[in-house]
């Protein structure tokens, strides 16, 4: 049985208290939202904080509201289950609702938070294991070792971003609000993630994600999120795909975005998909042909590695299938993507 190491639990009542605690303890502190990822990582010895700062007692962080200008405002500790089932989110930001609804299992979505999913650490089949397992291999580049087991001779960690919400939020132009010792600042989530598997977020020491703001969508907005995984629940994505379509008054595509996740340390936007889909009409032959072209372009751009479970050749073969099905789901009104 894997046991949690000893630690001190702090329960701040305000964001300012939480920031002060994290600043005081530095790298010896870890922030706890729902705990669905942090606690297993502590059991595996991937993180060994002396102080765990729980955000559960800060009321403002579990908010979910639509502002007067139509912006969706999501507190960092808003449960994924709440986000996935909220009628306003389902209607206005369907890709985000679907992504939140496909994380893990119903029980874990009740505990897991949006902030925790956004700030999820990168994952790799060679590190997300027990300490005993990792020690037998000499550890790895990301922690305690100097060798990458994915890329022979690699000097850069290629652990993958595996957060389902990330591509949906990125496609929607979401902004994160961070609180730190110097106050609060906003950062477009487009700029949050980096390609460094060890530290894949551009945050300053002591900063906490307190809120995510998603711009309002227009009447012609369509979106969908598709997820490739072995089982129908629990699993992290072998591949995730978020699609955003903006239809004009004639029903033709005026703007489009496709973002993939679980390939590298940050979500990856497909190049030129807006140009290929622009002017086509969902439900008609021109859109079907353009979706197939985008799917083929995705196959050429995507390069799955052996960094997450699943054969990389199989994952590569599924890239165009998932992209095409997610485009079709978005074009059809944002219904669920047919499982692979």
C-alpha atoms as a PDB file:
ATOM      1  CA  UNK A   1       0.000   0.000   0.000  1.00  0.00           C
ATOM      2  CA  UNK A   2       1.279   3.451  -0.918  1.00  0.00           C
ATOM      3  CA  UNK A   3       1.155   5.881   1.990  1.00  0.00           C
ATOM      4  CA  UNK A   4       1.215   9.636   2.134  1.00  0.00           C
ATOM      5  CA  UNK A   5       4.380  11.114   3.660  1.00  0.00           C
ATOM      6  CA  UNK A   6       4.076  13.297   6.743  1.00  0.00           C
ATOM      7  CA  UNK A   7       3.154  16.926   6.059  1.00  0.00           C
ATOM      8  CA  UNK A   8       1.552  19.946   7.684  1.00  0.00           C
ATOM      9  CA  UNK A   9      -1.845  21.019   6.318  1.00  0.00           C
ATOM     10  CA  UNK A  10      -2.561  24.762   6.179  1.00  0.00           C
ATOM     11  CA  UNK A  11      -6.087  26.081   5.619  1.00  0.00           C
ATOM     12  CA  UNK A  12      -5.906  29.777   4.688  1.00  0.00           C
ATOM     13  CA  UNK A  13      -9.177  31.703   4.601  1.00  0.00           C
ATOM     14  CA  UNK A  14      -8.176  34.268   1.971  1.00  0.00           C
ATOM     15  CA  UNK A  15      -6.116  34.367  -1.215  1.00  0.00           C
ATOM     16  CA  UNK A  16      -3.687  36.736   0.495  1.00  0.00           C
ATOM     17  CA  UNK A  17      -3.099  34.246   3.321  1.00  0.00           C
ATOM     18  CA  UNK A  18      -2.520  31.447   0.802  1.00  0.00           C
ATOM     19  CA  UNK A  19      -0.016  33.537  -1.167  1.00  0.00           C
ATOM     20  CA  UNK A  20       1.823  34.428   2.042  1.00  0.00           C
ATOM     21  CA  UNK A  21       2.065  30.778   3.082  1.00  0.00           C
ATOM     22  CA  UNK A  22       3.419  29.704  -0.307  1.00  0.00           C
ATOM     23  CA  UNK A  23       5.911  32.574  -0.271  1.00  0.00           C
ATOM     24  CA  UNK A  24       7.019  31.701   3.262  1.00  0.00           C
ATOM     25  CA  UNK A  25       7.680  28.024   2.573  1.00  0.00           C
ATOM     26  CA  UNK A  26       8.827  28.271  -1.043  1.00  0.00           C
ATOM     27  CA  UNK A  27       9.633  24.940  -2.670  1.00  0.00           C
ATOM     28  CA  UNK A  28       8.669  23.139   0.554  1.00  0.00           C
ATOM     29  CA  UNK A  29       5.014  24.078  -0.080  1.00  0.00           C
ATOM     30  CA  UNK A  30       2.457  22.504  -2.402  1.00  0.00           C
ATOM     31  CA  UNK A  31      -0.972  23.897  -3.268  1.00  0.00           C
ATOM     32  CA  UNK A  32      -3.997  21.621  -2.843  1.00  0.00           C
ATOM     33  CA  UNK A  33      -7.178  22.101  -4.860  1.00  0.00           C
ATOM     34  CA  UNK A  34      -9.115  18.848  -5.211  1.00  0.00           C
ATOM     35  CA  UNK A  35      -6.034  16.708  -4.599  1.00  0.00           C
ATOM     36  CA  UNK A  36      -6.793  14.190  -7.332  1.00  0.00           C
ATOM     37  CA  UNK A  37      -3.306  14.596  -8.830  1.00  0.00           C
ATOM     38  CA  UNK A  38      -1.239  16.009  -5.961  1.00  0.00           C
ATOM     39  CA  UNK A  39      -1.971  13.224  -3.486  1.00  0.00           C
ATOM     40  CA  UNK A  40      -1.040  10.344  -5.846  1.00  0.00           C
ATOM     41  CA  UNK A  41       2.136  12.232  -6.776  1.00  0.00           C
ATOM     42  CA  UNK A  42       2.997  12.583  -3.082  1.00  0.00           C
ATOM     43  CA  UNK A  43       2.450   8.851  -2.575  1.00  0.00           C
ATOM     44  CA  UNK A  44       4.804   8.161  -5.489  1.00  0.00           C
ATOM     45  CA  UNK A  45       7.448  10.466  -4.069  1.00  0.00           C
ATOM     46  CA  UNK A  46       7.292  12.816  -7.042  1.00  0.00           C
ATOM     47  CA  UNK A  47       6.689  15.760  -4.724  1.00  0.00           C
ATOM     48  CA  UNK A  48       7.524  15.839  -1.026  1.00  0.00           C
ATOM     49  CA  UNK A  49       6.144  19.063   0.458  1.00  0.00           C
ATOM     50  CA  UNK A  50       6.504  19.820   4.143  1.00  0.00           C
ATOM     51  CA  UNK A  51       3.461  22.102   3.985  1.00  0.00           C
ATOM     52  CA  UNK A  52       0.320  21.540   1.891  1.00  0.00           C
ATOM     53  CA  UNK A  53      -1.713  24.726   1.400  1.00  0.00           C
ATOM     54  CA  UNK A  54      -5.380  23.875   0.897  1.00  0.00           C
ATOM     55  CA  UNK A  55      -7.531  26.336  -1.064  1.00  0.00           C
ATOM     56  CA  UNK A  56     -10.789  24.688   0.016  1.00  0.00           C
ATOM     57  CA  UNK A  57     -11.661  27.319   2.639  1.00  0.00           C
ATOM     58  CA  UNK A  58     -11.426  30.342   0.333  1.00  0.00           C
ATOM     59  CA  UNK A  59     -15.031  31.036  -0.795  1.00  0.00           C
ATOM     60  CA  UNK A  60     -14.232  33.287  -3.761  1.00  0.00           C
ATOM     61  CA  UNK A  61     -12.277  30.551  -5.530  1.00  0.00           C
ATOM     62  CA  UNK A  62     -15.198  28.207  -6.232  1.00  0.00           C
ATOM     63  CA  UNK A  63     -17.227  30.801  -8.127  1.00  0.00           C
ATOM     64  CA  UNK A  64     -18.788  30.176 -11.528  1.00  0.00           C
ATOM     65  CA  UNK A  65     -20.486  33.192 -13.068  1.00  0.00           C
ATOM     66  CA  UNK A  66     -21.156  35.036 -16.316  1.00  0.00           C
ATOM     67  CA  UNK A  67     -20.185  38.708 -16.116  1.00  0.00           C
ATOM     68  CA  UNK A  68     -22.241  41.546 -17.599  1.00  0.00           C
ATOM     69  CA  UNK A  69     -20.064  41.599 -20.720  1.00  0.00           C
ATOM     70  CA  UNK A  70     -20.660  37.863 -21.249  1.00  0.00           C
ATOM     71  CA  UNK A  71     -17.273  36.713 -19.923  1.00  0.00           C
ATOM     72  CA  UNK A  72     -17.338  33.332 -18.211  1.00  0.00           C
ATOM     73  CA  UNK A  73     -15.604  33.687 -14.831  1.00  0.00           C
ATOM     74  CA  UNK A  74     -14.417  30.428 -13.239  1.00  0.00           C
ATOM     75  CA  UNK A  75     -12.814  30.239  -9.811  1.00  0.00           C
ATOM     76  CA  UNK A  76      -9.767  28.024  -9.498  1.00  0.00           C
ATOM     77  CA  UNK A  77     -11.482  25.557  -7.160  1.00  0.00           C
ATOM     78  CA  UNK A  78     -14.697  25.265  -9.185  1.00  0.00           C
ATOM     79  CA  UNK A  79     -15.292  21.487  -9.457  1.00  0.00           C
ATOM     80  CA  UNK A  80     -15.006  20.033 -12.938  1.00  0.00           C
ATOM     81  CA  UNK A  81     -18.372  18.321 -12.492  1.00  0.00           C
ATOM     82  CA  UNK A  82     -20.054  21.687 -11.896  1.00  0.00           C
ATOM     83  CA  UNK A  83     -18.378  23.201 -14.956  1.00  0.00           C
ATOM     84  CA  UNK A  84     -19.344  20.251 -17.155  1.00  0.00           C
ATOM     85  CA  UNK A  85     -23.022  20.342 -16.219  1.00  0.00           C
ATOM     86  CA  UNK A  86     -23.692  24.073 -15.986  1.00  0.00           C
ATOM     87  CA  UNK A  87     -26.290  24.981 -18.629  1.00  0.00           C
ATOM     88  CA  UNK A  88     -24.634  28.315 -19.397  1.00  0.00           C
ATOM     89  CA  UNK A  89     -21.273  26.654 -20.071  1.00  0.00           C
ATOM     90  CA  UNK A  90     -22.815  23.855 -22.118  1.00  0.00           C
ATOM     91  CA  UNK A  91     -24.661  26.379 -24.302  1.00  0.00           C
ATOM     92  CA  UNK A  92     -21.992  29.066 -24.663  1.00  0.00           C
ATOM     93  CA  UNK A  93     -18.689  27.200 -24.376  1.00  0.00           C
ATOM     94  CA  UNK A  94     -19.462  23.597 -25.394  1.00  0.00           C
ATOM     95  CA  UNK A  95     -15.864  22.452 -25.947  1.00  0.00           C
ATOM     96  CA  UNK A  96     -14.944  23.474 -22.393  1.00  0.00           C
ATOM     97  CA  UNK A  97     -17.998  21.736 -20.901  1.00  0.00           C
ATOM     98  CA  UNK A  98     -17.205  18.564 -22.841  1.00  0.00           C
ATOM     99  CA  UNK A  99     -13.524  18.649 -21.863  1.00  0.00           C
ATOM    100  CA  UNK A 100     -14.377  19.070 -18.187  1.00  0.00           C
ATOM    101  CA  UNK A 101     -16.890  16.232 -18.474  1.00  0.00           C
ATOM    102  CA  UNK A 102     -14.306  13.837 -19.915  1.00  0.00           C
ATOM    103  CA  UNK A 103     -11.701  14.230 -17.168  1.00  0.00           C
ATOM    104  CA  UNK A 104     -11.193  11.026 -15.172  1.00  0.00           C
ATOM    105  CA  UNK A 105     -14.425   9.670 -13.629  1.00  0.00           C
ATOM    106  CA  UNK A 106     -17.582  11.158 -12.048  1.00  0.00           C
ATOM    107  CA  UNK A 107     -16.174  10.756  -8.543  1.00  0.00           C
ATOM    108  CA  UNK A 108     -12.910  12.462  -9.451  1.00  0.00           C
ATOM    109  CA  UNK A 109     -14.674  15.266 -11.317  1.00  0.00           C
ATOM    110  CA  UNK A 110     -16.639  16.004  -8.137  1.00  0.00           C
ATOM    111  CA  UNK A 111     -13.331  16.602  -6.340  1.00  0.00           C
ATOM    112  CA  UNK A 112     -11.058  17.759  -9.143  1.00  0.00           C
ATOM    113  CA  UNK A 113     -10.992  21.465  -9.923  1.00  0.00           C
ATOM    114  CA  UNK A 114     -10.534  23.532 -13.061  1.00  0.00           C
ATOM    115  CA  UNK A 115      -7.509  25.254 -11.555  1.00  0.00           C
ATOM    116  CA  UNK A 116      -5.931  21.921 -10.758  1.00  0.00           C
ATOM    117  CA  UNK A 117      -6.499  20.718 -14.309  1.00  0.00           C
ATOM    118  CA  UNK A 118      -5.058  23.889 -15.834  1.00  0.00           C
ATOM    119  CA  UNK A 119      -1.991  23.686 -13.587  1.00  0.00           C
ATOM    120  CA  UNK A 120      -1.616  19.898 -13.941  1.00  0.00           C
ATOM    121  CA  UNK A 121       2.007  18.808 -14.056  1.00  0.00           C
ATOM    122  CA  UNK A 122       3.242  17.179 -17.231  1.00  0.00           C
ATOM    123  CA  UNK A 123       3.043  13.404 -17.249  1.00  0.00           C
ATOM    124  CA  UNK A 124       5.210  10.610 -18.631  1.00  0.00           C
ATOM    125  CA  UNK A 125       4.977   6.832 -18.474  1.00  0.00           C
ATOM    126  CA  UNK A 126       8.550   6.812 -17.122  1.00  0.00           C
ATOM    127  CA  UNK A 127       7.971   9.110 -14.152  1.00  0.00           C
ATOM    128  CA  UNK A 128       4.366   8.659 -13.021  1.00  0.00           C
ATOM    129  CA  UNK A 129       5.275   5.450 -11.237  1.00  0.00           C
ATOM    130  CA  UNK A 130       6.245   4.442  -7.719  1.00  0.00           C
ATOM    131  CA  UNK A 131       9.608   5.460  -6.268  1.00  0.00           C
ATOM    132  CA  UNK A 132      10.685   1.798  -6.249  1.00  0.00           C
ATOM    133  CA  UNK A 133       9.846   1.418  -9.958  1.00  0.00           C
ATOM    134  CA  UNK A 134      11.653   4.626 -10.914  1.00  0.00           C
ATOM    135  CA  UNK A 135      14.693   3.803  -8.805  1.00  0.00           C
ATOM    136  CA  UNK A 136      15.101   0.443 -10.550  1.00  0.00           C
ATOM    137  CA  UNK A 137      15.587   2.345 -13.844  1.00  0.00           C
ATOM    138  CA  UNK A 138      17.969   4.901 -12.422  1.00  0.00           C
ATOM    139  CA  UNK A 139      15.244   7.551 -12.334  1.00  0.00           C
ATOM    140  CA  UNK A 140      14.856   9.984 -15.261  1.00  0.00           C
ATOM    141  CA  UNK A 141      15.660  13.430 -16.544  1.00  0.00           C
ATOM    142  CA  UNK A 142      12.647  15.037 -14.883  1.00  0.00           C
ATOM    143  CA  UNK A 143      13.442  13.899 -11.351  1.00  0.00           C
ATOM    144  CA  UNK A 144      16.480  12.414  -9.603  1.00  0.00           C
ATOM    145  CA  UNK A 145      18.157  11.156 -12.787  1.00  0.00           C
ATOM    146  CA  UNK A 146      19.997  12.392 -15.868  1.00  0.00           C
ATOM    147  CA  UNK A 147      18.639  10.111 -18.603  1.00  0.00           C
ATOM    148  CA  UNK A 148      15.555  10.514 -20.778  1.00  0.00           C
ATOM    149  CA  UNK A 149      13.953   7.117 -21.388  1.00  0.00           C
ATOM    150  CA  UNK A 150      11.771   8.508 -24.195  1.00  0.00           C
ATOM    151  CA  UNK A 151      14.410  10.163 -26.377  1.00  0.00           C
ATOM    152  CA  UNK A 152      17.781   8.419 -26.240  1.00  0.00           C
ATOM    153  CA  UNK A 153      20.428  10.974 -25.375  1.00  0.00           C
ATOM    154  CA  UNK A 154      17.802  13.685 -24.986  1.00  0.00           C
ATOM    155  CA  UNK A 155      18.740  16.684 -22.865  1.00  0.00           C
ATOM    156  CA  UNK A 156      15.221  18.127 -22.628  1.00  0.00           C
ATOM    157  CA  UNK A 157      12.277  16.569 -20.822  1.00  0.00           C
ATOM    158  CA  UNK A 158       9.427  15.592 -23.160  1.00  0.00           C
ATOM    159  CA  UNK A 159       6.799  14.745 -20.534  1.00  0.00           C
ATOM    160  CA  UNK A 160       3.392  15.618 -22.001  1.00  0.00           C
ATOM    161  CA  UNK A 161       0.679  18.079 -21.062  1.00  0.00           C
ATOM    162  CA  UNK A 162      -2.310  15.873 -20.263  1.00  0.00           C
ATOM    163  CA  UNK A 163      -4.890  18.402 -19.086  1.00  0.00           C
ATOM    164  CA  UNK A 164      -8.130  18.066 -21.044  1.00  0.00           C
ATOM    165  CA  UNK A 165      -9.229  21.626 -20.301  1.00  0.00           C
ATOM    166  CA  UNK A 166      -6.045  23.179 -21.729  1.00  0.00           C
ATOM    167  CA  UNK A 167      -6.764  22.925 -25.481  1.00  0.00           C
ATOM    168  CA  UNK A 168     -10.372  24.023 -25.039  1.00  0.00           C
ATOM    169  CA  UNK A 169      -9.362  27.070 -22.999  1.00  0.00           C
ATOM    170  CA  UNK A 170      -6.554  27.902 -25.402  1.00  0.00           C
ATOM    171  CA  UNK A 171      -8.899  27.749 -28.411  1.00  0.00           C
ATOM    172  CA  UNK A 172     -11.348  30.046 -26.608  1.00  0.00           C
ATOM    173  CA  UNK A 173      -8.775  32.727 -25.813  1.00  0.00           C
ATOM    174  CA  UNK A 174      -9.042  32.255 -22.041  1.00  0.00           C
ATOM    175  CA  UNK A 175      -7.038  34.335 -19.582  1.00  0.00           C
ATOM    176  CA  UNK A 176      -5.703  33.186 -16.225  1.00  0.00           C
ATOM    177  CA  UNK A 177      -5.676  35.497 -13.200  1.00  0.00           C
ATOM    178  CA  UNK A 178      -2.685  34.827 -10.942  1.00  0.00           C
ATOM    179  CA  UNK A 179      -2.102  36.150  -7.423  1.00  0.00           C
ATOM    180  CA  UNK A 180       1.414  36.431  -6.067  1.00  0.00           C
ATOM    181  CA  UNK A 181       3.559  38.425  -3.646  1.00  0.00           C
ATOM    182  CA  UNK A 182       3.503  41.354  -6.089  1.00  0.00           C
ATOM    183  CA  UNK A 183      -0.276  41.380  -6.496  1.00  0.00           C
ATOM    184  CA  UNK A 184      -2.516  40.039  -9.236  1.00  0.00           C
ATOM    185  CA  UNK A 185      -1.822  39.805 -12.953  1.00  0.00           C
ATOM    186  CA  UNK A 186      -3.562  38.401 -16.007  1.00  0.00           C
ATOM    187  CA  UNK A 187      -1.879  36.039 -18.446  1.00  0.00           C
ATOM    188  CA  UNK A 188      -3.430  34.681 -21.644  1.00  0.00           C
ATOM    189  CA  UNK A 189      -3.393  30.901 -21.270  1.00  0.00           C
ATOM    190  CA  UNK A 190      -1.997  30.803 -24.788  1.00  0.00           C
ATOM    191  CA  UNK A 191       1.231  32.073 -23.166  1.00  0.00           C
ATOM    192  CA  UNK A 192       1.100  29.980 -19.988  1.00  0.00           C
ATOM    193  CA  UNK A 193       2.457  26.662 -21.217  1.00  0.00           C
ATOM    194  CA  UNK A 194       5.999  26.073 -22.494  1.00  0.00           C
ATOM    195  CA  UNK A 195       7.737  23.161 -24.240  1.00  0.00           C
ATOM    196  CA  UNK A 196       9.819  22.285 -21.163  1.00  0.00           C
ATOM    197  CA  UNK A 197       8.456  19.086 -19.639  1.00  0.00           C
ATOM    198  CA  UNK A 198      10.038  19.827 -16.259  1.00  0.00           C
ATOM    199  CA  UNK A 199       8.626  23.329 -15.865  1.00  0.00           C
ATOM    200  CA  UNK A 200       5.981  23.886 -18.490  1.00  0.00           C
ATOM    201  CA  UNK A 201       4.316  26.999 -17.035  1.00  0.00           C
ATOM    202  CA  UNK A 202       5.417  30.609 -17.126  1.00  0.00           C
ATOM    203  CA  UNK A 203       4.506  31.517 -13.575  1.00  0.00           C
ATOM    204  CA  UNK A 204       6.501  33.481 -11.045  1.00  0.00           C
ATOM    205  CA  UNK A 205       7.567  31.930  -7.708  1.00  0.00           C
ATOM    206  CA  UNK A 206       4.737  31.973  -5.201  1.00  0.00           C
ATOM    207  CA  UNK A 207       1.985  32.674  -7.730  1.00  0.00           C
ATOM    208  CA  UNK A 208      -1.398  30.959  -7.490  1.00  0.00           C
ATOM    209  CA  UNK A 209      -4.012  30.605 -10.206  1.00  0.00           C
ATOM    210  CA  UNK A 210      -7.159  32.119  -8.697  1.00  0.00           C
ATOM    211  CA  UNK A 211      -9.472  32.588 -11.678  1.00  0.00           C
ATOM    212  CA  UNK A 212      -9.937  31.771 -15.351  1.00  0.00           C
ATOM    213  CA  UNK A 213     -11.800  34.230 -17.593  1.00  0.00           C
ATOM    214  CA  UNK A 214     -13.202  32.989 -20.899  1.00  0.00           C
ATOM    215  CA  UNK A 215     -14.409  35.599 -23.419  1.00  0.00           C
ATOM    216  CA  UNK A 216     -18.053  35.634 -24.467  1.00  0.00           C
ATOM    217  CA  UNK A 217     -18.981  33.676 -27.567  1.00  0.00           C
ATOM    218  CA  UNK A 218     -21.182  34.876 -30.429  1.00  0.00           C
ATOM    219  CA  UNK A 219     -24.337  33.254 -31.780  1.00  0.00           C
ATOM    220  CA  UNK A 220     -22.331  31.559 -34.532  1.00  0.00           C
ATOM    221  CA  UNK A 221     -19.949  29.876 -32.112  1.00  0.00           C
ATOM    222  CA  UNK A 222     -19.585  26.092 -32.338  1.00  0.00           C
ATOM    223  CA  UNK A 223     -17.184  23.934 -30.352  1.00  0.00           C
ATOM    224  CA  UNK A 224     -16.355  20.348 -29.440  1.00  0.00           C
ATOM    225  CA  UNK A 225     -13.725  18.332 -27.588  1.00  0.00           C
ATOM    226  CA  UNK A 226     -12.657  14.812 -28.512  1.00  0.00           C
ATOM    227  CA  UNK A 227     -10.565  12.482 -26.373  1.00  0.00           C
ATOM    228  CA  UNK A 228      -8.676   9.322 -27.260  1.00  0.00           C
ATOM    229  CA  UNK A 229      -8.209   6.917 -24.340  1.00  0.00           C
ATOM    230  CA  UNK A 230      -8.187   3.199 -23.699  1.00  0.00           C
ATOM    231  CA  UNK A 231     -11.108   3.172 -21.287  1.00  0.00           C
ATOM    232  CA  UNK A 232     -14.292   5.210 -21.204  1.00  0.00           C
ATOM    233  CA  UNK A 233     -13.321   6.862 -17.919  1.00  0.00           C
ATOM    234  CA  UNK A 234     -10.407   7.405 -15.514  1.00  0.00           C
ATOM    235  CA  UNK A 235      -7.684   7.623 -18.173  1.00  0.00           C
ATOM    236  CA  UNK A 236      -5.625  10.666 -19.057  1.00  0.00           C
ATOM    237  CA  UNK A 237      -5.750  11.435 -22.786  1.00  0.00           C
ATOM    238  CA  UNK A 238      -3.648   9.539 -25.261  1.00  0.00           C
ATOM    239  CA  UNK A 239      -4.667  12.474 -27.441  1.00  0.00           C
ATOM    240  CA  UNK A 240      -7.106  15.330 -26.982  1.00  0.00           C
ATOM    241  CA  UNK A 241      -8.550  17.699 -29.602  1.00  0.00           C
ATOM    242  CA  UNK A 242     -10.469  20.950 -29.101  1.00  0.00           C
ATOM    243  CA  UNK A 243     -12.241  22.637 -32.020  1.00  0.00           C
ATOM    244  CA  UNK A 244     -13.647  26.152 -32.233  1.00  0.00           C
ATOM    245  CA  UNK A 245     -15.728  27.267 -35.218  1.00  0.00           C
ATOM    246  CA  UNK A 246     -17.211  30.727 -35.736  1.00  0.00           C
ATOM    247  CA  UNK A 247     -20.018  30.769 -38.318  1.00  0.00           C
ATOM    248  CA  UNK A 248     -21.105  33.946 -40.081  1.00  0.00           C
ATOM    249  CA  UNK A 249     -24.694  35.012 -40.820  1.00  0.00           C
ATOM    250  CA  UNK A 250     -24.798  32.710 -43.845  1.00  0.00           C
ATOM    251  CA  UNK A 251     -23.738  29.673 -41.824  1.00  0.00           C
ATOM    252  CA  UNK A 252     -20.244  29.542 -43.356  1.00  0.00           C
ATOM    253  CA  UNK A 253     -17.057  29.260 -41.298  1.00  0.00           C
ATOM    254  CA  UNK A 254     -15.596  32.690 -40.637  1.00  0.00           C
ATOM    255  CA  UNK A 255     -12.980  31.570 -38.142  1.00  0.00           C
ATOM    256  CA  UNK A 256     -11.635  28.281 -36.801  1.00  0.00           C
ATOM    257  CA  UNK A 257      -9.114  26.889 -34.359  1.00  0.00           C
ATOM    258  CA  UNK A 258      -7.930  23.348 -33.610  1.00  0.00           C
ATOM    259  CA  UNK A 259      -5.715  22.599 -30.594  1.00  0.00           C
ATOM    260  CA  UNK A 260      -4.253  19.215 -29.632  1.00  0.00           C
ATOM    261  CA  UNK A 261      -2.965  17.982 -26.274  1.00  0.00           C
ATOM    262  CA  UNK A 262      -0.924  15.027 -24.942  1.00  0.00           C
ATOM    263  CA  UNK A 263       1.683  15.274 -27.682  1.00  0.00           C
ATOM    264  CA  UNK A 264       4.256  17.480 -25.962  1.00  0.00           C
ATOM    265  CA  UNK A 265       4.668  19.650 -22.866  1.00  0.00           C
ATOM    266  CA  UNK A 266       2.218  22.268 -24.103  1.00  0.00           C
ATOM    267  CA  UNK A 267      -0.996  22.190 -26.151  1.00  0.00           C
ATOM    268  CA  UNK A 268      -0.262  22.376 -29.880  1.00  0.00           C
ATOM    269  CA  UNK A 269      -2.279  24.562 -32.258  1.00  0.00           C
ATOM    270  CA  UNK A 270      -2.715  23.299 -35.804  1.00  0.00           C
ATOM    271  CA  UNK A 271      -1.375  25.680 -38.416  1.00  0.00           C
ATOM    272  CA  UNK A 272      -3.555  27.153 -41.179  1.00  0.00           C
ATOM    273  CA  UNK A 273      -6.758  25.345 -40.184  1.00  0.00           C
ATOM    274  CA  UNK A 274      -8.678  28.620 -40.350  1.00  0.00           C
ATOM    275  CA  UNK A 275      -7.573  29.150 -43.941  1.00  0.00           C
ATOM    276  CA  UNK A 276      -8.568  25.626 -44.949  1.00  0.00           C
ATOM    277  CA  UNK A 277     -11.997  25.746 -43.299  1.00  0.00           C
ATOM    278  CA  UNK A 278     -12.821  29.380 -44.030  1.00  0.00           C
ATOM    279  CA  UNK A 279     -15.874  29.884 -46.253  1.00  0.00           C
ATOM    280  CA  UNK A 280     -17.063  26.283 -46.009  1.00  0.00           C
ATOM    281  CA  UNK A 281     -20.456  25.349 -44.596  1.00  0.00           C
ATOM    282  CA  UNK A 282     -20.862  22.587 -41.995  1.00  0.00           C
ATOM    283  CA  UNK A 283     -23.077  19.809 -43.257  1.00  0.00           C
ATOM    284  CA  UNK A 284     -22.061  20.367 -46.860  1.00  0.00           C
ATOM    285  CA  UNK A 285     -19.464  18.711 -49.064  1.00  0.00           C
ATOM    286  CA  UNK A 286     -17.009  21.618 -48.969  1.00  0.00           C
ATOM    287  CA  UNK A 287     -16.771  21.448 -45.160  1.00  0.00           C
ATOM    288  CA  UNK A 288     -16.353  17.668 -45.243  1.00  0.00           C
ATOM    289  CA  UNK A 289     -13.501  18.003 -47.731  1.00  0.00           C
ATOM    290  CA  UNK A 290     -11.863  20.796 -45.746  1.00  0.00           C
ATOM    291  CA  UNK A 291     -12.161  18.815 -42.502  1.00  0.00           C
ATOM    292  CA  UNK A 292     -10.413  15.881 -44.190  1.00  0.00           C
ATOM    293  CA  UNK A 293      -7.643  18.221 -45.363  1.00  0.00           C
ATOM    294  CA  UNK A 294      -7.190  19.642 -41.848  1.00  0.00           C
ATOM    295  CA  UNK A 295      -7.108  16.113 -40.438  1.00  0.00           C
ATOM    296  CA  UNK A 296      -4.384  15.130 -42.903  1.00  0.00           C
ATOM    297  CA  UNK A 297      -2.410  18.268 -42.031  1.00  0.00           C
ATOM    298  CA  UNK A 298      -2.715  17.322 -38.365  1.00  0.00           C
ATOM    299  CA  UNK A 299      -1.276  13.903 -39.119  1.00  0.00           C
ATOM    300  CA  UNK A 300       1.747  15.549 -40.735  1.00  0.00           C
ATOM    301  CA  UNK A 301       2.228  18.082 -37.923  1.00  0.00           C
ATOM    302  CA  UNK A 302       1.690  15.755 -34.949  1.00  0.00           C
ATOM    303  CA  UNK A 303       4.569  13.612 -33.738  1.00  0.00           C
ATOM    304  CA  UNK A 304       3.448  11.425 -30.809  1.00  0.00           C
ATOM    305  CA  UNK A 305       6.288  10.130 -28.632  1.00  0.00           C
ATOM    306  CA  UNK A 306       6.492   7.169 -26.269  1.00  0.00           C
ATOM    307  CA  UNK A 307       5.927   9.566 -23.367  1.00  0.00           C
ATOM    308  CA  UNK A 308       2.396   8.528 -22.420  1.00  0.00           C
ATOM    309  CA  UNK A 309       0.831   5.054 -22.379  1.00  0.00           C
ATOM    310  CA  UNK A 310      -0.213   3.761 -25.767  1.00  0.00           C
ATOM    311  CA  UNK A 311       1.731   2.841 -28.851  1.00  0.00           C
ATOM    312  CA  UNK A 312       2.931   6.069 -30.535  1.00  0.00           C
ATOM    313  CA  UNK A 313       2.269   4.682 -34.019  1.00  0.00           C
ATOM    314  CA  UNK A 314      -1.336   3.947 -33.061  1.00  0.00           C
ATOM    315  CA  UNK A 315      -1.705   7.408 -31.537  1.00  0.00           C
ATOM    316  CA  UNK A 316      -0.283   8.946 -34.705  1.00  0.00           C
ATOM    317  CA  UNK A 317      -2.742   6.992 -36.851  1.00  0.00           C
ATOM    318  CA  UNK A 318      -5.607   8.236 -34.667  1.00  0.00           C
ATOM    319  CA  UNK A 319      -4.658  11.928 -34.974  1.00  0.00           C
ATOM    320  CA  UNK A 320      -6.521  12.529 -38.280  1.00  0.00           C
ATOM    321  CA  UNK A 321      -9.447  10.381 -37.163  1.00  0.00           C
ATOM    322  CA  UNK A 322      -9.932  12.325 -33.930  1.00  0.00           C
ATOM    323  CA  UNK A 323      -9.450  15.710 -35.594  1.00  0.00           C
ATOM    324  CA  UNK A 324     -11.969  14.924 -38.332  1.00  0.00           C
ATOM    325  CA  UNK A 325     -14.575  13.568 -35.915  1.00  0.00           C
ATOM    326  CA  UNK A 326     -14.181  16.547 -33.589  1.00  0.00           C
ATOM    327  CA  UNK A 327     -14.538  18.978 -36.492  1.00  0.00           C
ATOM    328  CA  UNK A 328     -17.681  17.162 -37.620  1.00  0.00           C
ATOM    329  CA  UNK A 329     -19.080  17.240 -34.077  1.00  0.00           C
ATOM    330  CA  UNK A 330     -18.455  20.976 -33.791  1.00  0.00           C
ATOM    331  CA  UNK A 331     -19.933  21.636 -37.234  1.00  0.00           C
ATOM    332  CA  UNK A 332     -22.991  19.617 -36.309  1.00  0.00           C
ATOM    333  CA  UNK A 333     -23.803  21.887 -33.389  1.00  0.00           C
ATOM    334  CA  UNK A 334     -21.327  20.884 -30.721  1.00  0.00           C
ATOM    335  CA  UNK A 335     -22.594  17.406 -29.885  1.00  0.00           C
ATOM    336  CA  UNK A 336     -20.324  14.814 -28.284  1.00  0.00           C
ATOM    337  CA  UNK A 337     -17.529  13.340 -30.369  1.00  0.00           C
ATOM    338  CA  UNK A 338     -18.117   9.733 -31.341  1.00  0.00           C
ATOM    339  CA  UNK A 339     -15.671   7.645 -29.275  1.00  0.00           C
ATOM    340  CA  UNK A 340     -12.756   6.018 -31.069  1.00  0.00           C
END
